[in-house]
Amino acid sequence: MFSSRVLGAAKSLGVEVQLVANPAALAAKLAADCQLVFVDLSLAGLNLPAAIATVRKGAPEARVLAFGAHVDEAALEAARQAGCDEVLSRGQFHKQYVELLQTATK
């Protein structure tokens, strides 16, 4: 349900969005000119360090933003340690995703 909100906001802003539910498919969908990557820390099978390495290799200019449950402090800290440019709680992300998408248009 939330992904439909992100997709709707992206469409209204003219921002192309690719959803990747399988972390292994990330490299195939990643465009070299990608500017922003959102990572849902609750994604099953997520190997965050490998995903970040894939982004850094395929789209070196992209900002990597991870979000997860505010109560899962270990996952949020792991995202920081793995090299995410920004780490937000799910609630913060929900409040800011439109603004974040707008940064991808600049």
PDB file of N, CA and C in Angstrom:
ATOM      1  N   MET A   1       0.813  -1.190   0.000  1.00  0.00           N
ATOM      2  CA  MET A   1       0.000   0.000   0.000  1.00  0.00           C
ATOM      3  C   MET A   1       0.861   1.261   0.000  1.00  0.00           C
ATOM      4  N   PHE A   2       1.903   1.277   0.819  1.00  0.00           N
ATOM      5  CA  PHE A   2       2.742   2.463   0.890  1.00  0.00           C
ATOM      6  C   PHE A   2       3.474   2.700  -0.427  1.00  0.00           C
ATOM      7  N   SER A   3       3.897   1.628  -1.084  1.00  0.00           N
ATOM      8  CA  SER A   3       4.612   1.813  -2.348  1.00  0.00           C
ATOM      9  C   SER A   3       3.741   2.520  -3.373  1.00  0.00           C
ATOM     10  N   SER A   4       2.426   2.313  -3.323  1.00  0.00           N
ATOM     11  CA  SER A   4       1.548   3.008  -4.263  1.00  0.00           C
ATOM     12  C   SER A   4       1.553   4.512  -3.994  1.00  0.00           C
ATOM     13  N   ARG A   5       1.691   4.917  -2.743  1.00  0.00           N
ATOM     14  CA  ARG A   5       1.792   6.355  -2.427  1.00  0.00           C
ATOM     15  C   ARG A   5       3.087   6.940  -2.973  1.00  0.00           C
ATOM     16  N   VAL A   6       4.175   6.216  -2.804  1.00  0.00           N
ATOM     17  CA  VAL A   6       5.462   6.686  -3.319  1.00  0.00           C
ATOM     18  C   VAL A   6       5.392   6.776  -4.837  1.00  0.00           C
ATOM     19  N   LEU A   7       4.850   5.739  -5.476  1.00  0.00           N
ATOM     20  CA  LEU A   7       4.730   5.751  -6.934  1.00  0.00           C
ATOM     21  C   LEU A   7       3.849   6.899  -7.408  1.00  0.00           C
ATOM     22  N   GLY A   8       2.749   7.144  -6.720  1.00  0.00           N
ATOM     23  CA  GLY A   8       1.863   8.239  -7.085  1.00  0.00           C
ATOM     24  C   GLY A   8       2.547   9.586  -6.956  1.00  0.00           C
ATOM     25  N   ALA A   9       3.263   9.789  -5.865  1.00  0.00           N
ATOM     26  CA  ALA A   9       3.987  11.045  -5.667  1.00  0.00           C
ATOM     27  C   ALA A   9       5.074  11.208  -6.722  1.00  0.00           C
ATOM     28  N   ALA A  10       5.782  10.135  -7.008  1.00  0.00           N
ATOM     29  CA  ALA A  10       6.839  10.195  -8.019  1.00  0.00           C
ATOM     30  C   ALA A  10       6.268  10.553  -9.386  1.00  0.00           C
ATOM     31  N   LYS A  11       5.168   9.940  -9.728  1.00  0.00           N
ATOM     32  CA  LYS A  11       4.540  10.213 -11.026  1.00  0.00           C
ATOM     33  C   LYS A  11       4.143  11.685 -11.125  1.00  0.00           C
ATOM     34  N   SER A  12       3.542  12.219 -10.060  1.00  0.00           N
ATOM     35  CA  SER A  12       3.114  13.622 -10.094  1.00  0.00           C
ATOM     36  C   SER A  12       4.300  14.577 -10.161  1.00  0.00           C
ATOM     37  N   LEU A  13       5.461  14.145  -9.680  1.00  0.00           N
ATOM     38  CA  LEU A  13       6.672  14.971  -9.733  1.00  0.00           C
ATOM     39  C   LEU A  13       7.489  14.731 -10.997  1.00  0.00           C
ATOM     40  N   GLY A  14       7.093  13.741 -11.782  1.00  0.00           N
ATOM     41  CA  GLY A  14       7.853  13.407 -12.985  1.00  0.00           C
ATOM     42  C   GLY A  14       9.145  12.672 -12.692  1.00  0.00           C
ATOM     43  N   VAL A  15       9.163  11.946 -11.584  1.00  0.00           N
ATOM     44  CA  VAL A  15      10.348  11.192 -11.177  1.00  0.00           C
ATOM     45  C   VAL A  15      10.136   9.726 -11.517  1.00  0.00           C
ATOM     46  N   GLU A  16      11.081   9.154 -12.221  1.00  0.00           N
ATOM     47  CA  GLU A  16      10.985   7.728 -12.545  1.00  0.00           C
ATOM     48  C   GLU A  16      11.384   6.915 -11.320  1.00  0.00           C
ATOM     49  N   VAL A  17      10.563   5.926 -10.994  1.00  0.00           N
ATOM     50  CA  VAL A  17      10.808   5.064  -9.839  1.00  0.00           C
ATOM     51  C   VAL A  17      10.774   3.615 -10.291  1.00  0.00           C
ATOM     52  N   GLN A  18      11.718   2.851  -9.801  1.00  0.00           N
ATOM     53  CA  GLN A  18      11.749   1.409 -10.022  1.00  0.00           C
ATOM     54  C   GLN A  18      11.605   0.736  -8.661  1.00  0.00           C
ATOM     55  N   LEU A  19      10.650  -0.151  -8.539  1.00  0.00           N
ATOM     56  CA  LEU A  19      10.516  -0.917  -7.302  1.00  0.00           C
ATOM     57  C   LEU A  19      11.258  -2.235  -7.466  1.00  0.00           C
ATOM     58  N   VAL A  20      12.033  -2.568  -6.468  1.00  0.00           N
ATOM     59  CA  VAL A  20      12.782  -3.817  -6.483  1.00  0.00           C
ATOM     60  C   VAL A  20      12.466  -4.552  -5.188  1.00  0.00           C
ATOM     61  N   ALA A  21      11.680  -5.601  -5.297  1.00  0.00           N
ATOM     62  CA  ALA A  21      11.300  -6.370  -4.112  1.00  0.00           C
ATOM     63  C   ALA A  21      12.305  -7.470  -3.807  1.00  0.00           C
ATOM     64  N   ASN A  22      13.084  -7.838  -4.787  1.00  0.00           N
ATOM     65  CA  ASN A  22      14.089  -8.879  -4.630  1.00  0.00           C
ATOM     66  C   ASN A  22      15.461  -8.217  -4.689  1.00  0.00           C
ATOM     67  N   PRO A  23      16.199  -8.196  -3.579  1.00  0.00           N
ATOM     68  CA  PRO A  23      17.497  -7.521  -3.582  1.00  0.00           C
ATOM     69  C   PRO A  23      18.439  -7.999  -4.684  1.00  0.00           C
ATOM     70  N   ALA A  24      18.303  -9.240  -5.111  1.00  0.00           N
ATOM     71  CA  ALA A  24      19.173  -9.753  -6.168  1.00  0.00           C
ATOM     72  C   ALA A  24      18.913  -9.070  -7.511  1.00  0.00           C
ATOM     73  N   ALA A  25      17.733  -8.485  -7.679  1.00  0.00           N
ATOM     74  CA  ALA A  25      17.374  -7.827  -8.940  1.00  0.00           C
ATOM     75  C   ALA A  25      17.827  -6.367  -8.995  1.00  0.00           C
ATOM     76  N   LEU A  26      18.432  -5.885  -7.940  1.00  0.00           N
ATOM     77  CA  LEU A  26      18.803  -4.478  -7.869  1.00  0.00           C
ATOM     78  C   LEU A  26      19.725  -4.054  -9.003  1.00  0.00           C
ATOM     79  N   ALA A  27      20.772  -4.794  -9.251  1.00  0.00           N
ATOM     80  CA  ALA A  27      21.739  -4.406 -10.281  1.00  0.00           C
ATOM     81  C   ALA A  27      21.090  -4.283 -11.652  1.00  0.00           C
ATOM     82  N   ALA A  28      20.158  -5.162 -11.960  1.00  0.00           N
ATOM     83  CA  ALA A  28      19.512  -5.147 -13.266  1.00  0.00           C
ATOM     84  C   ALA A  28      18.610  -3.926 -13.454  1.00  0.00           C
ATOM     85  N   LYS A  29      18.052  -3.400 -12.371  1.00  0.00           N
ATOM     86  CA  LYS A  29      17.123  -2.269 -12.476  1.00  0.00           C
ATOM     87  C   LYS A  29      17.781  -0.923 -12.200  1.00  0.00           C
ATOM     88  N   LEU A  30      19.001  -0.927 -11.743  1.00  0.00           N
ATOM     89  CA  LEU A  30      19.671   0.302 -11.334  1.00  0.00           C
ATOM     90  C   LEU A  30      20.215   1.044 -12.552  1.00  0.00           C
ATOM     91  N   ALA A  31      19.792   2.281 -12.715  1.00  0.00           N
ATOM     92  CA  ALA A  31      20.284   3.117 -13.819  1.00  0.00           C
ATOM     93  C   ALA A  31      21.508   3.891 -13.330  1.00  0.00           C
ATOM     94  N   ALA A  32      22.472   4.077 -14.210  1.00  0.00           N
ATOM     95  CA  ALA A  32      23.700   4.772 -13.847  1.00  0.00           C
ATOM     96  C   ALA A  32      23.444   6.199 -13.382  1.00  0.00           C
ATOM     97  N   ASP A  33      22.369   6.814 -13.880  1.00  0.00           N
ATOM     98  CA  ASP A  33      22.064   8.195 -13.492  1.00  0.00           C
ATOM     99  C   ASP A  33      21.088   8.280 -12.323  1.00  0.00           C
ATOM    100  N   CYS A  34      20.869   7.172 -11.654  1.00  0.00           N
ATOM    101  CA  CYS A  34      19.997   7.144 -10.484  1.00  0.00           C
ATOM    102  C   CYS A  34      20.522   8.141  -9.450  1.00  0.00           C
ATOM    103  N   GLN A  35      19.601   8.906  -8.869  1.00  0.00           N
ATOM    104  CA  GLN A  35      20.003   9.922  -7.905  1.00  0.00           C
ATOM    105  C   GLN A  35      19.665   9.564  -6.467  1.00  0.00           C
ATOM    106  N   LEU A  36      18.703   8.683  -6.275  1.00  0.00           N
ATOM    107  CA  LEU A  36      18.231   8.383  -4.934  1.00  0.00           C
ATOM    108  C   LEU A  36      17.742   6.948  -4.859  1.00  0.00           C
ATOM    109  N   VAL A  37      18.162   6.240  -3.817  1.00  0.00           N
ATOM    110  CA  VAL A  37      17.733   4.860  -3.599  1.00  0.00           C
ATOM    111  C   VAL A  37      17.152   4.773  -2.194  1.00  0.00           C
ATOM    112  N   PHE A  38      15.900   4.319  -2.109  1.00  0.00           N
ATOM    113  CA  PHE A  38      15.265   4.065  -0.826  1.00  0.00           C
ATOM    114  C   PHE A  38      15.427   2.588  -0.506  1.00  0.00           C
ATOM    115  N   VAL A  39      15.812   2.271   0.713  1.00  0.00           N
ATOM    116  CA  VAL A  39      15.963   0.890   1.147  1.00  0.00           C
ATOM    117  C   VAL A  39      15.058   0.656   2.357  1.00  0.00           C
ATOM    118  N   ASP A  40      14.109  -0.248   2.193  1.00  0.00           N
ATOM    119  CA  ASP A  40      13.230  -0.644   3.293  1.00  0.00           C
ATOM    120  C   ASP A  40      13.954  -1.737   4.066  1.00  0.00           C
ATOM    121  N   LEU A  41      14.326  -1.430   5.294  1.00  0.00           N
ATOM    122  CA  LEU A  41      15.105  -2.371   6.092  1.00  0.00           C
ATOM    123  C   LEU A  41      14.335  -3.625   6.478  1.00  0.00           C
ATOM    124  N   SER A  42      13.036  -3.632   6.253  1.00  0.00           N
ATOM    125  CA  SER A  42      12.245  -4.827   6.565  1.00  0.00           C
ATOM    126  C   SER A  42      12.143  -5.785   5.380  1.00  0.00           C
ATOM    127  N   LEU A  43      12.778  -5.465   4.281  1.00  0.00           N
ATOM    128  CA  LEU A  43      12.724  -6.299   3.083  1.00  0.00           C
ATOM    129  C   LEU A  43      13.357  -7.660   3.354  1.00  0.00           C
ATOM    130  N   ALA A  44      12.611  -8.712   3.097  1.00  0.00           N
ATOM    131  CA  ALA A  44      13.100 -10.079   3.322  1.00  0.00           C
ATOM    132  C   ALA A  44      14.307 -10.363   2.429  1.00  0.00           C
ATOM    133  N   GLY A  45      15.294 -10.976   2.992  1.00  0.00           N
ATOM    134  CA  GLY A  45      16.471 -11.375   2.236  1.00  0.00           C
ATOM    135  C   GLY A  45      17.446 -10.240   1.956  1.00  0.00           C
ATOM    136  N   LEU A  46      17.260  -9.101   2.590  1.00  0.00           N
ATOM    137  CA  LEU A  46      18.120  -7.945   2.346  1.00  0.00           C
ATOM    138  C   LEU A  46      19.507  -8.169   2.939  1.00  0.00           C
ATOM    139  N   ASN A  47      20.501  -8.069   2.086  1.00  0.00           N
ATOM    140  CA  ASN A  47      21.900  -8.030   2.504  1.00  0.00           C
ATOM    141  C   ASN A  47      22.321  -6.584   2.265  1.00  0.00           C
ATOM    142  N   LEU A  48      22.186  -5.753   3.283  1.00  0.00           N
ATOM    143  CA  LEU A  48      22.377  -4.322   3.131  1.00  0.00           C
ATOM    144  C   LEU A  48      23.770  -3.939   2.630  1.00  0.00           C
ATOM    145  N   PRO A  49      24.837  -4.468   3.188  1.00  0.00           N
ATOM    146  CA  PRO A  49      26.155  -4.104   2.648  1.00  0.00           C
ATOM    147  C   PRO A  49      26.299  -4.450   1.165  1.00  0.00           C
ATOM    148  N   ALA A  50      25.780  -5.586   0.746  1.00  0.00           N
ATOM    149  CA  ALA A  50      25.854  -5.959  -0.670  1.00  0.00           C
ATOM    150  C   ALA A  50      25.000  -5.030  -1.522  1.00  0.00           C
ATOM    151  N   ALA A  51      23.823  -4.658  -1.028  1.00  0.00           N
ATOM    152  CA  ALA A  51      22.957  -3.744  -1.774  1.00  0.00           C
ATOM    153  C   ALA A  51      23.615  -2.381  -1.937  1.00  0.00           C
ATOM    154  N   ILE A  52      24.226  -1.888  -0.878  1.00  0.00           N
ATOM    155  CA  ILE A  52      24.903  -0.598  -0.969  1.00  0.00           C
ATOM    156  C   ILE A  52      26.080  -0.671  -1.925  1.00  0.00           C
ATOM    157  N   ALA A  53      26.833  -1.751  -1.877  1.00  0.00           N
ATOM    158  CA  ALA A  53      27.946  -1.929  -2.812  1.00  0.00           C
ATOM    159  C   ALA A  53      27.445  -1.945  -4.255  1.00  0.00           C
ATOM    160  N   THR A  54      26.304  -2.583  -4.486  1.00  0.00           N
ATOM    161  CA  THR A  54      25.718  -2.615  -5.833  1.00  0.00           C
ATOM    162  C   THR A  54      25.350  -1.215  -6.285  1.00  0.00           C
ATOM    163  N   VAL A  55      24.749  -0.447  -5.401  1.00  0.00           N
ATOM    164  CA  VAL A  55      24.380   0.939  -5.749  1.00  0.00           C
ATOM    165  C   VAL A  55      25.623   1.767  -6.011  1.00  0.00           C
ATOM    166  N   ARG A  56      26.606   1.674  -5.155  1.00  0.00           N
ATOM    167  CA  ARG A  56      27.829   2.477  -5.312  1.00  0.00           C
ATOM    168  C   ARG A  56      28.546   2.149  -6.626  1.00  0.00           C
ATOM    169  N   LYS A  57      28.491   0.897  -7.028  1.00  0.00           N
ATOM    170  CA  LYS A  57      29.128   0.490  -8.276  1.00  0.00           C
ATOM    171  C   LYS A  57      28.309   0.922  -9.495  1.00  0.00           C
ATOM    172  N   GLY A  58      26.995   0.724  -9.443  1.00  0.00           N
ATOM    173  CA  GLY A  58      26.146   1.001 -10.603  1.00  0.00           C
ATOM    174  C   GLY A  58      25.677   2.426 -10.745  1.00  0.00           C
ATOM    175  N   ALA A  59      25.585   3.141  -9.636  1.00  0.00           N
ATOM    176  CA  ALA A  59      25.121   4.534  -9.646  1.00  0.00           C
ATOM    177  C   ALA A  59      25.879   5.297  -8.560  1.00  0.00           C
ATOM    178  N   PRO A  60      27.142   5.585  -8.805  1.00  0.00           N
ATOM    179  CA  PRO A  60      27.997   6.142  -7.754  1.00  0.00           C
ATOM    180  C   PRO A  60      27.538   7.481  -7.176  1.00  0.00           C
ATOM    181  N   GLU A  61      26.738   8.233  -7.901  1.00  0.00           N
ATOM    182  CA  GLU A  61      26.273   9.528  -7.413  1.00  0.00           C
ATOM    183  C   GLU A  61      24.987   9.430  -6.591  1.00  0.00           C
ATOM    184  N   ALA A  62      24.375   8.267  -6.553  1.00  0.00           N
ATOM    185  CA  ALA A  62      23.092   8.106  -5.865  1.00  0.00           C
ATOM    186  C   ALA A  62      23.243   8.217  -4.348  1.00  0.00           C
ATOM    187  N   ARG A  63      22.274   8.882  -3.739  1.00  0.00           N
ATOM    188  CA  ARG A  63      22.160   8.891  -2.282  1.00  0.00           C
ATOM    189  C   ARG A  63      21.387   7.648  -1.880  1.00  0.00           C
ATOM    190  N   VAL A  64      21.840   6.997  -0.828  1.00  0.00           N
ATOM    191  CA  VAL A  64      21.164   5.812  -0.316  1.00  0.00           C
ATOM    192  C   VAL A  64      20.501   6.175   1.010  1.00  0.00           C
ATOM    193  N   LEU A  65      19.180   6.039   1.030  1.00  0.00           N
ATOM    194  CA  LEU A  65      18.395   6.356   2.220  1.00  0.00           C
ATOM    195  C   LEU A  65      17.699   5.088   2.677  1.00  0.00           C
ATOM    196  N   ALA A  66      17.954   4.696   3.917  1.00  0.00           N
ATOM    197  CA  ALA A  66      17.315   3.506   4.489  1.00  0.00           C
ATOM    198  C   ALA A  66      16.278   3.932   5.513  1.00  0.00           C
ATOM    199  N   PHE A  67      15.220   3.143   5.599  1.00  0.00           N
ATOM    200  CA  PHE A  67      14.200   3.413   6.608  1.00  0.00           C
ATOM    201  C   PHE A  67      13.715   2.107   7.202  1.00  0.00           C
ATOM    202  N   GLY A  68      13.335   2.191   8.472  1.00  0.00           N
ATOM    203  CA  GLY A  68      12.860   0.993   9.155  1.00  0.00           C
ATOM    204  C   GLY A  68      12.109   1.354  10.424  1.00  0.00           C
ATOM    205  N   ALA A  69      11.659   0.344  11.101  1.00  0.00           N
ATOM    206  CA  ALA A  69      10.883   0.524  12.333  1.00  0.00           C
ATOM    207  C   ALA A  69      11.721   1.254  13.381  1.00  0.00           C
ATOM    208  N   HIS A  70      11.128   2.245  14.008  1.00  0.00           N
ATOM    209  CA  HIS A  70      11.865   3.013  15.019  1.00  0.00           C
ATOM    210  C   HIS A  70      12.284   2.159  16.212  1.00  0.00           C
ATOM    211  N   VAL A  71      11.577   1.082  16.444  1.00  0.00           N
ATOM    212  CA  VAL A  71      11.922   0.206  17.566  1.00  0.00           C
ATOM    213  C   VAL A  71      13.055  -0.761  17.221  1.00  0.00           C
ATOM    214  N   ASP A  72      13.378  -0.862  15.946  1.00  0.00           N
ATOM    215  CA  ASP A  72      14.458  -1.763  15.520  1.00  0.00           C
ATOM    216  C   ASP A  72      15.759  -0.974  15.429  1.00  0.00           C
ATOM    217  N   GLU A  73      16.217  -0.552  16.588  1.00  0.00           N
ATOM    218  CA  GLU A  73      17.413   0.280  16.653  1.00  0.00           C
ATOM    219  C   GLU A  73      18.635  -0.409  16.062  1.00  0.00           C
ATOM    220  N   ALA A  74      18.703  -1.728  16.188  1.00  0.00           N
ATOM    221  CA  ALA A  74      19.842  -2.468  15.651  1.00  0.00           C
ATOM    222  C   ALA A  74      19.881  -2.366  14.129  1.00  0.00           C
ATOM    223  N   ALA A  75      18.740  -2.486  13.475  1.00  0.00           N
ATOM    224  CA  ALA A  75      18.693  -2.387  12.013  1.00  0.00           C
ATOM    225  C   ALA A  75      19.030  -0.978  11.556  1.00  0.00           C
ATOM    226  N   LEU A  76      18.534   0.022  12.263  1.00  0.00           N
ATOM    227  CA  LEU A  76      18.833   1.405  11.900  1.00  0.00           C
ATOM    228  C   LEU A  76      20.320   1.697  12.056  1.00  0.00           C
ATOM    229  N   GLU A  77      20.896   1.212  13.133  1.00  0.00           N
ATOM    230  CA  GLU A  77      22.338   1.409  13.344  1.00  0.00           C
ATOM    231  C   GLU A  77      23.150   0.624  12.316  1.00  0.00           C
ATOM    232  N   ALA A  78      22.718  -0.580  11.993  1.00  0.00           N
ATOM    233  CA  ALA A  78      23.418  -1.366  10.967  1.00  0.00           C
ATOM    234  C   ALA A  78      23.406  -0.632   9.629  1.00  0.00           C
ATOM    235  N   ALA A  79      22.310   0.045   9.328  1.00  0.00           N
ATOM    236  CA  ALA A  79      22.224   0.815   8.079  1.00  0.00           C
ATOM    237  C   ALA A  79      23.226   1.961   8.089  1.00  0.00           C
ATOM    238  N   ARG A  80      23.361   2.607   9.225  1.00  0.00           N
ATOM    239  CA  ARG A  80      24.362   3.683   9.335  1.00  0.00           C
ATOM    240  C   ARG A  80      25.765   3.113   9.134  1.00  0.00           C
ATOM    241  N   GLN A  81      26.030   2.003   9.806  1.00  0.00           N
ATOM    242  CA  GLN A  81      27.353   1.380   9.725  1.00  0.00           C
ATOM    243  C   GLN A  81      27.654   0.851   8.321  1.00  0.00           C
ATOM    244  N   ALA A  82      26.615   0.452   7.601  1.00  0.00           N
ATOM    245  CA  ALA A  82      26.804  -0.093   6.248  1.00  0.00           C
ATOM    246  C   ALA A  82      27.083   0.993   5.224  1.00  0.00           C
ATOM    247  N   GLY A  83      26.899   2.254   5.613  1.00  0.00           N
ATOM    248  CA  GLY A  83      27.237   3.349   4.704  1.00  0.00           C
ATOM    249  C   GLY A  83      26.069   4.061   4.049  1.00  0.00           C
ATOM    250  N   CYS A  84      24.869   3.884   4.578  1.00  0.00           N
ATOM    251  CA  CYS A  84      23.734   4.634   4.042  1.00  0.00           C
ATOM    252  C   CYS A  84      23.973   6.123   4.275  1.00  0.00           C
ATOM    253  N   ASP A  85      23.579   6.930   3.322  1.00  0.00           N
ATOM    254  CA  ASP A  85      23.762   8.368   3.445  1.00  0.00           C
ATOM    255  C   ASP A  85      22.815   8.973   4.473  1.00  0.00           C
ATOM    256  N   GLU A  86      21.654   8.358   4.614  1.00  0.00           N
ATOM    257  CA  GLU A  86      20.666   8.830   5.581  1.00  0.00           C
ATOM    258  C   GLU A  86      19.864   7.634   6.071  1.00  0.00           C
ATOM    259  N   VAL A  87      19.510   7.649   7.351  1.00  0.00           N
ATOM    260  CA  VAL A  87      18.722   6.570   7.954  1.00  0.00           C
ATOM    261  C   VAL A  87      17.577   7.220   8.721  1.00  0.00           C
ATOM    262  N   LEU A  88      16.359   6.801   8.392  1.00  0.00           N
ATOM    263  CA  LEU A  88      15.156   7.363   9.004  1.00  0.00           C
ATOM    264  C   LEU A  88      14.290   6.265   9.590  1.00  0.00           C
ATOM    265  N   SER A  89      13.519   6.643  10.590  1.00  0.00           N
ATOM    266  CA  SER A  89      12.485   5.727  11.045  1.00  0.00           C
ATOM    267  C   SER A  89      11.409   5.681   9.963  1.00  0.00           C
ATOM    268  N   ARG A  90      10.593   4.664   9.987  1.00  0.00           N
ATOM    269  CA  ARG A  90       9.510   4.548   9.011  1.00  0.00           C
ATOM    270  C   ARG A  90       8.590   5.780   9.080  1.00  0.00           C
ATOM    271  N   GLY A  91       8.294   6.248  10.287  1.00  0.00           N
ATOM    272  CA  GLY A  91       7.438   7.418  10.457  1.00  0.00           C
ATOM    273  C   GLY A  91       8.053   8.671   9.846  1.00  0.00           C
ATOM    274  N   GLN A  92       9.356   8.852  10.052  1.00  0.00           N
ATOM    275  CA  GLN A  92      10.037   9.996   9.447  1.00  0.00           C
ATOM    276  C   GLN A  92       9.987   9.909   7.932  1.00  0.00           C
ATOM    277  N   PHE A  93      10.208   8.705   7.420  1.00  0.00           N
ATOM    278  CA  PHE A  93      10.186   8.512   5.974  1.00  0.00           C
ATOM    279  C   PHE A  93       8.799   8.828   5.413  1.00  0.00           C
ATOM    280  N   HIS A  94       7.763   8.363   6.071  1.00  0.00           N
ATOM    281  CA  HIS A  94       6.397   8.615   5.618  1.00  0.00           C
ATOM    282  C   HIS A  94       6.110  10.111   5.553  1.00  0.00           C
ATOM    283  N   LYS A  95       6.658  10.863   6.492  1.00  0.00           N
ATOM    284  CA  LYS A  95       6.438  12.304   6.516  1.00  0.00           C
ATOM    285  C   LYS A  95       7.257  13.031   5.448  1.00  0.00           C
ATOM    286  N   GLN A  96       8.374  12.452   5.024  1.00  0.00           N
ATOM    287  CA  GLN A  96       9.315  13.173   4.174  1.00  0.00           C
ATOM    288  C   GLN A  96       9.453  12.636   2.755  1.00  0.00           C
ATOM    289  N   TYR A  97       8.782  11.531   2.401  1.00  0.00           N
ATOM    290  CA  TYR A  97       9.089  10.918   1.114  1.00  0.00           C
ATOM    291  C   TYR A  97       8.824  11.835  -0.073  1.00  0.00           C
ATOM    292  N   VAL A  98       7.814  12.698  -0.003  1.00  0.00           N
ATOM    293  CA  VAL A  98       7.553  13.605  -1.125  1.00  0.00           C
ATOM    294  C   VAL A  98       8.705  14.598  -1.258  1.00  0.00           C
ATOM    295  N   GLU A  99       9.120  15.154  -0.155  1.00  0.00           N
ATOM    296  CA  GLU A  99      10.260  16.080  -0.166  1.00  0.00           C
ATOM    297  C   GLU A  99      11.520  15.378  -0.676  1.00  0.00           C
ATOM    298  N   LEU A 100      11.721  14.148  -0.249  1.00  0.00           N
ATOM    299  CA  LEU A 100      12.893  13.400  -0.698  1.00  0.00           C
ATOM    300  C   LEU A 100      12.849  13.141  -2.200  1.00  0.00           C
ATOM    301  N   LEU A 101      11.669  12.790  -2.697  1.00  0.00           N
ATOM    302  CA  LEU A 101      11.521  12.601  -4.149  1.00  0.00           C
ATOM    303  C   LEU A 101      11.782  13.890  -4.906  1.00  0.00           C
ATOM    304  N   GLN A 102      11.392  15.010  -4.339  1.00  0.00           N
ATOM    305  CA  GLN A 102      11.636  16.292  -4.989  1.00  0.00           C
ATOM    306  C   GLN A 102      13.125  16.557  -5.170  1.00  0.00           C
ATOM    307  N   THR A 103      13.939  16.056  -4.238  1.00  0.00           N
ATOM    308  CA  THR A 103      15.385  16.257  -4.373  1.00  0.00           C
ATOM    309  C   THR A 103      15.934  15.502  -5.575  1.00  0.00           C
ATOM    310  N   ALA A 104      15.230  14.473  -5.999  1.00  0.00           N
ATOM    311  CA  ALA A 104      15.679  13.694  -7.163  1.00  0.00           C
ATOM    312  C   ALA A 104      15.401  14.434  -8.467  1.00  0.00           C
ATOM    313  N   THR A 105      14.626  15.513  -8.413  1.00  0.00           N
ATOM    314  CA  THR A 105      14.326  16.273  -9.630  1.00  0.00           C
ATOM    315  C   THR A 105      15.284  17.445  -9.814  1.00  0.00           C
ATOM    316  N   LYS A 106      16.150  17.652  -8.856  1.00  0.00           N
ATOM    317  CA  LYS A 106      17.074  18.804  -8.918  1.00  0.00           C
ATOM    318  C   LYS A 106      18.399  18.418  -9.495  1.00  0.00           C
TER     319      LYS A 106
END
